Amino acid sequence: MNNTTKYFLAILACSVIFFIYAIIGSVLGWKAGGGAIPVLIFGFLIKTVWKAIIGTKESNVSTSSKKVVILTIFLLLVLPPIVYFYVTRGFNTFMKLEVVGEKNHKIAEFSFINQNSEVVNNDSFKGNIYITNFFFTSCPTICPIMTKNMAYVQKQLAVYPDIKFLSHTVDPQNDTPKKMLDYVNDLKAKNVYINLANWDFVTGDKDALYAIAQSYFVNVSMDSLAPGGFLHSEYFVLIDKEGRVRSGIDQYNNPVGVYDGTNEAQMKDLINDVKVLMAEYKRPTKEKENEK
């Protein structure tokens, strides 16, 4: 293999690496190369491939021949991915979360009272993603587990802005603001991380609480045969800034819809899906650009 061919193959291989780098950068929304680590990895791969093909000895190829080969390969293989990367950067080209429910379905209007006797309504979550569930303070079975798992999710997402948490009681007759606050403090005394700065535990009119559950696509009801006298869903529901139910997809590409609040593995899925949803708001979509 002559030296000209070696240079051609080396530049071709490096161009392929750059093309893959550019595509990954576009999908992940990298700016200015994606930071130090991706750039270092990219540079290391280029250097390794180049040495493997060319070797470390000085080539006998003329300078003019080198320039022709480099310019040709640059125009054919390097320039197109560069253009593609900078044209598409900033646009949302990754998978989005599914919108659950019928078209235009949004969480109905609500107004409840939280553990501090403050009014909590739809406006309280304006501009925020939030995660919601249903519980009651005297629940002898799944509620403490659900609250603990919600606290885990809150802690894992503590560094992110514009996210809140909302827990509705299904026993408003007994769950007063003070009783809910005592419930929270009891869990905190057991080293359960709960930050009330962005987490509301709410009570209110029973019919209104049960009606809002339907808006979240979960079930709650009184049942004298159930532990504690109430049946309620163990699910956590993810709501976007527009008041829509959102979720990831399962292995069969179907929307999961909700997340099992008693399942630690699904809590990790929920955390990942929240991050995906946050990314949707950080990067403009082509549709939004076209609307301007």
Protein backbone atom coordinates (compact mmCIF):
# COMPACT_ATOMS: atom_id res chain seq x y z
CA MET A 1 0.00 0.00 0.00
CA ASN A 2 1.56 3.28 -1.09
CA ASN A 3 1.65 6.35 1.12
CA THR A 4 -1.01 8.24 -0.83
CA THR A 5 -3.46 5.40 -0.27
CA LYS A 6 -2.56 5.33 3.40
CA TYR A 7 -3.29 9.04 3.74
CA PHE A 8 -6.59 8.58 1.94
CA LEU A 9 -7.65 5.72 4.25
CA ALA A 10 -6.50 7.58 7.35
CA ILE A 11 -8.47 10.69 6.49
CA LEU A 12 -11.48 8.58 5.50
CA ALA A 13 -11.43 6.75 8.85
CA CYS A 14 -11.04 10.00 10.80
CA SER A 15 -13.88 11.55 8.81
CA VAL A 16 -16.17 8.65 9.73
CA ILE A 17 -15.26 9.13 13.39
CA PHE A 18 -16.04 12.84 13.13
CA PHE A 19 -19.36 12.11 11.43
CA ILE A 20 -20.39 9.78 14.28
CA TYR A 21 -19.22 12.39 16.80
CA ALA A 22 -21.30 15.07 15.08
CA ILE A 23 -24.44 12.90 15.00
CA ILE A 24 -24.10 12.01 18.69
CA GLY A 25 -23.54 15.67 19.50
CA SER A 26 -26.66 16.67 17.60
CA VAL A 27 -28.81 14.07 19.37
CA LEU A 28 -27.50 14.99 22.82
CA GLY A 29 -27.60 18.70 22.17
CA TRP A 30 -23.90 19.32 22.71
CA LYS A 31 -22.75 22.88 22.41
CA ALA A 32 -19.16 23.94 21.71
CA GLY A 33 -18.15 20.32 21.15
CA GLY A 34 -19.95 18.92 24.18
CA GLY A 35 -17.35 19.78 26.79
CA ALA A 36 -13.82 18.63 27.53
CA ILE A 37 -14.42 14.88 27.82
CA PRO A 38 -16.11 14.31 24.41
CA VAL A 39 -13.46 16.47 22.72
CA LEU A 40 -10.61 14.56 24.38
CA ILE A 41 -12.15 11.21 23.43
CA PHE A 42 -12.65 12.42 19.86
CA GLY A 43 -9.04 13.65 19.65
CA PHE A 44 -7.68 10.40 21.09
CA LEU A 45 -9.61 8.30 18.56
CA ILE A 46 -8.39 10.45 15.66
CA LYS A 47 -4.78 10.23 16.83
CA THR A 48 -4.97 6.46 17.38
CA VAL A 49 -6.53 5.74 13.99
CA TRP A 50 -4.11 8.04 12.20
CA LYS A 51 -1.05 6.37 13.78
CA ALA A 52 -2.43 2.89 13.13
CA ILE A 53 -2.74 3.57 9.40
CA ILE A 54 0.08 6.02 8.68
CA GLY A 55 2.56 4.99 11.33
CA THR A 56 5.05 7.29 13.03
CA LYS A 57 7.58 7.56 10.19
CA GLU A 58 7.73 10.57 7.90
CA SER A 59 5.83 10.03 4.69
CA ASN A 60 7.36 10.40 1.23
CA VAL A 61 4.16 11.78 -0.22
CA SER A 62 4.63 15.22 -1.69
CA THR A 63 3.11 18.23 0.02
CA SER A 64 0.91 19.01 -2.98
CA SER A 65 -0.46 15.45 -3.04
CA LYS A 66 -1.24 15.64 0.66
CA LYS A 67 -3.14 18.89 0.19
CA VAL A 68 -5.22 17.48 -2.67
CA VAL A 69 -6.17 14.36 -0.70
CA ILE A 70 -6.97 16.30 2.47
CA LEU A 71 -9.05 18.93 0.64
CA THR A 72 -11.00 16.30 -1.30
CA ILE A 73 -11.85 14.24 1.76
CA PHE A 74 -12.72 17.37 3.73
CA LEU A 75 -15.20 18.55 1.11
CA LEU A 76 -16.79 15.12 0.69
CA LEU A 77 -16.90 13.76 4.23
CA VAL A 78 -16.00 16.36 6.86
CA LEU A 79 -17.83 19.47 5.70
CA PRO A 80 -21.33 17.86 5.40
CA PRO A 81 -21.45 16.59 9.01
CA ILE A 82 -20.14 19.95 10.25
CA VAL A 83 -22.95 21.73 8.44
CA TYR A 84 -25.48 19.17 9.67
CA PHE A 85 -24.29 19.52 13.26
CA TYR A 86 -24.57 23.30 13.36
CA VAL A 87 -27.83 23.45 11.44
CA THR A 88 -29.62 20.96 13.67
CA ARG A 89 -28.01 21.80 17.03
CA GLY A 90 -30.45 23.21 19.55
CA PHE A 91 -33.37 21.28 18.11
CA ASN A 92 -35.14 18.47 19.89
CA THR A 93 -34.13 15.38 17.89
CA PHE A 94 -34.31 12.85 20.74
CA MET A 95 -37.26 10.78 21.90
CA LYS A 96 -39.94 12.68 23.81
CA LEU A 97 -42.23 11.38 26.51
CA GLU A 98 -45.70 10.27 25.50
CA VAL A 99 -48.75 12.41 26.22
CA VAL A 100 -51.24 10.18 28.06
CA GLY A 101 -54.98 10.39 27.51
CA GLU A 102 -57.17 11.85 24.83
CA LYS A 103 -56.02 14.83 22.80
CA ASN A 104 -56.20 18.11 24.75
CA HIS A 105 -56.69 16.31 28.08
CA LYS A 106 -55.37 18.41 30.95
CA ILE A 107 -55.66 18.19 34.72
CA ALA A 108 -58.96 19.70 35.83
CA GLU A 109 -59.15 22.82 38.00
CA PHE A 110 -58.59 22.13 41.69
CA SER A 111 -58.12 23.96 44.97
CA PHE A 112 -57.01 22.25 48.18
CA ILE A 113 -55.33 23.07 51.51
CA ASN A 114 -51.80 21.94 52.32
CA GLN A 115 -50.02 20.97 55.54
CA ASN A 116 -49.42 24.64 56.31
CA SER A 117 -53.10 25.55 55.81
CA GLU A 118 -52.22 27.32 52.55
CA VAL A 119 -54.28 27.15 49.38
CA VAL A 120 -52.81 24.93 46.67
CA ASN A 121 -54.32 25.05 43.18
CA ASN A 122 -53.36 24.76 39.53
CA ASP A 123 -51.63 28.11 39.62
CA SER A 124 -49.34 26.79 42.37
CA PHE A 125 -47.74 24.56 39.74
CA LYS A 126 -47.62 27.03 36.89
CA GLY A 127 -44.28 26.77 35.07
CA ASN A 128 -43.42 23.55 36.91
CA ILE A 129 -43.31 19.85 36.21
CA TYR A 130 -44.85 17.94 39.10
CA ILE A 131 -45.29 14.39 40.36
CA THR A 132 -48.45 13.46 42.22
CA ASN A 133 -49.96 10.58 44.17
CA PHE A 134 -52.70 9.69 46.69
CA PHE A 135 -52.27 8.53 50.29
CA PHE A 136 -53.71 8.85 53.81
CA THR A 137 -51.86 9.30 57.06
CA SER A 138 -53.36 6.29 58.85
CA CYS A 139 -52.67 3.93 55.95
CA PRO A 140 -51.30 0.68 57.41
CA THR A 141 -49.88 -0.75 54.17
CA ILE A 142 -48.40 0.96 51.11
CA CYS A 143 -48.56 4.68 51.96
CA PRO A 144 -45.36 4.89 54.03
CA ILE A 145 -43.52 3.02 51.27
CA MET A 146 -44.94 5.35 48.62
CA THR A 147 -44.02 8.46 50.60
CA LYS A 148 -40.52 7.12 51.18
CA ASN A 149 -40.09 6.44 47.47
CA MET A 150 -41.47 9.86 46.56
CA ALA A 151 -38.92 11.33 48.98
CA TYR A 152 -36.20 9.37 47.19
CA VAL A 153 -37.30 10.82 43.85
CA GLN A 154 -37.37 14.32 45.35
CA LYS A 155 -33.85 13.95 46.70
CA GLN A 156 -32.49 12.63 43.40
CA LEU A 157 -34.01 15.59 41.55
CA ALA A 158 -33.15 18.19 44.20
CA VAL A 159 -30.62 19.98 41.99
CA TYR A 160 -33.14 20.59 39.21
CA PRO A 161 -35.38 23.66 39.10
CA ASP A 162 -39.07 23.87 38.21
CA ILE A 163 -40.20 20.59 39.73
CA LYS A 164 -42.73 20.04 42.50
CA PHE A 165 -44.49 17.20 44.31
CA LEU A 166 -48.13 16.83 45.32
CA SER A 167 -49.70 14.20 47.60
CA HIS A 168 -53.50 14.12 48.03
CA THR A 169 -55.17 12.50 51.01
CA VAL A 170 -58.10 10.15 50.36
CA ASP A 171 -59.25 10.61 53.97
CA PRO A 172 -59.96 14.34 54.29
CA GLN A 173 -62.26 13.84 57.26
CA ASN A 174 -59.33 12.80 59.43
CA ASP A 175 -56.32 14.21 57.60
CA THR A 176 -56.24 17.81 58.75
CA PRO A 177 -53.29 20.06 57.86
CA LYS A 178 -51.82 19.47 61.31
CA LYS A 179 -52.17 15.72 61.03
CA MET A 180 -50.47 15.71 57.63
CA LEU A 181 -47.64 17.85 59.00
CA ASP A 182 -47.24 15.42 61.92
CA TYR A 183 -47.14 12.57 59.39
CA VAL A 184 -44.32 14.31 57.52
CA ASN A 185 -42.38 15.07 60.70
CA ASP A 186 -42.70 11.47 61.89
CA LEU A 187 -41.17 10.25 58.62
CA LYS A 188 -38.42 12.86 58.76
CA ALA A 189 -37.60 11.64 62.27
CA LYS A 190 -37.04 8.23 60.68
CA ASN A 191 -34.48 9.77 58.29
CA VAL A 192 -36.85 10.00 55.33
CA TYR A 193 -35.82 12.97 53.19
CA ILE A 194 -38.82 15.30 52.73
CA ASN A 195 -38.42 18.91 51.66
CA LEU A 196 -41.68 20.82 52.05
CA ALA A 197 -40.32 23.73 50.02
CA ASN A 198 -41.61 22.03 46.85
CA TRP A 199 -43.82 19.25 48.20
CA ASP A 200 -47.43 19.79 49.26
CA PHE A 201 -49.60 17.34 51.16
CA VAL A 202 -53.18 18.42 50.56
CA THR A 203 -56.65 17.86 51.95
CA GLY A 204 -60.02 19.31 51.07
CA ASP A 205 -63.50 18.36 49.93
CA LYS A 206 -63.79 14.58 49.55
CA ASP A 207 -65.74 14.72 46.30
CA ALA A 208 -63.25 17.17 44.82
CA LEU A 209 -60.31 15.00 45.84
CA TYR A 210 -61.87 11.87 44.38
CA ALA A 211 -62.83 13.70 41.20
CA ILE A 212 -59.31 15.01 40.61
CA ALA A 213 -58.01 11.45 40.86
CA GLN A 214 -59.95 10.63 37.69
CA SER A 215 -58.22 13.51 35.95
CA TYR A 216 -54.90 11.83 36.80
CA PHE A 217 -56.27 8.45 35.54
CA VAL A 218 -56.02 6.79 38.97
CA ASN A 219 -58.69 5.33 41.24
CA VAL A 220 -59.59 6.16 44.84
CA SER A 221 -62.58 5.09 46.90
CA MET A 222 -63.84 4.28 50.38
CA ASP A 223 -63.93 0.55 51.14
CA SER A 224 -64.69 -0.82 54.57
CA LEU A 225 -63.01 -4.11 53.67
CA ALA A 226 -59.73 -2.49 52.60
CA PRO A 227 -56.87 -1.95 55.07
CA GLY A 228 -57.52 1.40 56.72
CA GLY A 229 -60.95 1.71 55.08
CA PHE A 230 -59.77 3.14 51.73
CA LEU A 231 -58.72 1.88 48.35
CA HIS A 232 -56.34 4.08 46.41
CA SER A 233 -53.88 3.71 43.58
CA GLU A 234 -50.23 3.08 44.34
CA TYR A 235 -49.26 5.00 41.23
CA PHE A 236 -47.22 8.16 40.78
CA VAL A 237 -48.27 10.40 37.91
CA LEU A 238 -45.98 12.80 36.02
CA ILE A 239 -47.50 16.11 34.90
CA ASP A 240 -45.86 18.56 32.51
CA LYS A 241 -45.93 22.36 32.59
CA GLU A 242 -49.03 22.39 30.39
CA GLY A 243 -50.96 20.23 32.86
CA ARG A 244 -50.79 17.06 30.73
CA VAL A 245 -50.06 13.54 31.96
CA ARG A 246 -46.77 12.32 30.52
CA SER A 247 -44.85 9.05 30.65
CA GLY A 248 -42.12 6.99 29.08
CA ILE A 249 -42.69 3.82 27.08
CA ASP A 250 -42.35 0.15 27.98
CA GLN A 251 -40.41 -2.57 26.15
CA TYR A 252 -43.28 -2.92 23.67
CA ASN A 253 -43.26 0.83 22.87
CA ASN A 254 -46.52 1.42 24.74
CA PRO A 255 -46.89 4.38 27.15
CA VAL A 256 -46.43 3.21 30.73
CA GLY A 257 -48.90 5.91 31.78
CA VAL A 258 -48.06 5.80 35.48
CA TYR A 259 -45.27 4.64 37.80
CA ASP A 260 -45.69 2.12 40.61
CA GLY A 261 -44.89 4.04 43.78
CA THR A 262 -43.98 0.85 45.63
CA ASN A 263 -41.45 -0.28 43.02
CA GLU A 264 -37.90 1.05 43.39
CA ALA A 265 -36.95 0.18 39.81
CA GLN A 266 -39.86 2.22 38.48
CA MET A 267 -38.74 5.14 40.63
CA LYS A 268 -35.49 5.17 38.68
CA ASP A 269 -37.48 5.08 35.45
CA LEU A 270 -39.52 8.01 36.71
CA ILE A 271 -36.40 10.01 37.55
CA ASN A 272 -34.98 9.38 34.08
CA ASP A 273 -38.27 10.35 32.44
CA VAL A 274 -38.41 13.59 34.44
CA LYS A 275 -34.97 14.46 33.08
CA VAL A 276 -36.15 13.73 29.54
CA LEU A 277 -39.17 15.95 30.08
CA MET A 278 -36.97 18.73 31.45
CA ALA A 279 -34.80 18.47 28.35
CA GLU A 280 -37.86 19.07 26.18
CA TYR A 281 -38.25 22.49 27.76
CA LYS A 282 -34.55 23.35 27.59
CA ARG A 283 -34.30 22.80 23.84
CA PRO A 284 -36.62 24.47 21.32
CA THR A 285 -38.39 22.23 18.84
CA LYS A 286 -38.57 22.87 15.11
CA GLU A 287 -42.32 23.21 15.44
CA LYS A 288 -41.93 26.05 17.94
CA GLU A 289 -39.38 27.74 15.68
CA ASN A 290 -41.82 27.57 12.79
CA GLU A 291 -44.53 29.20 14.88
CA LYS A 292 -42.43 32.30 15.49
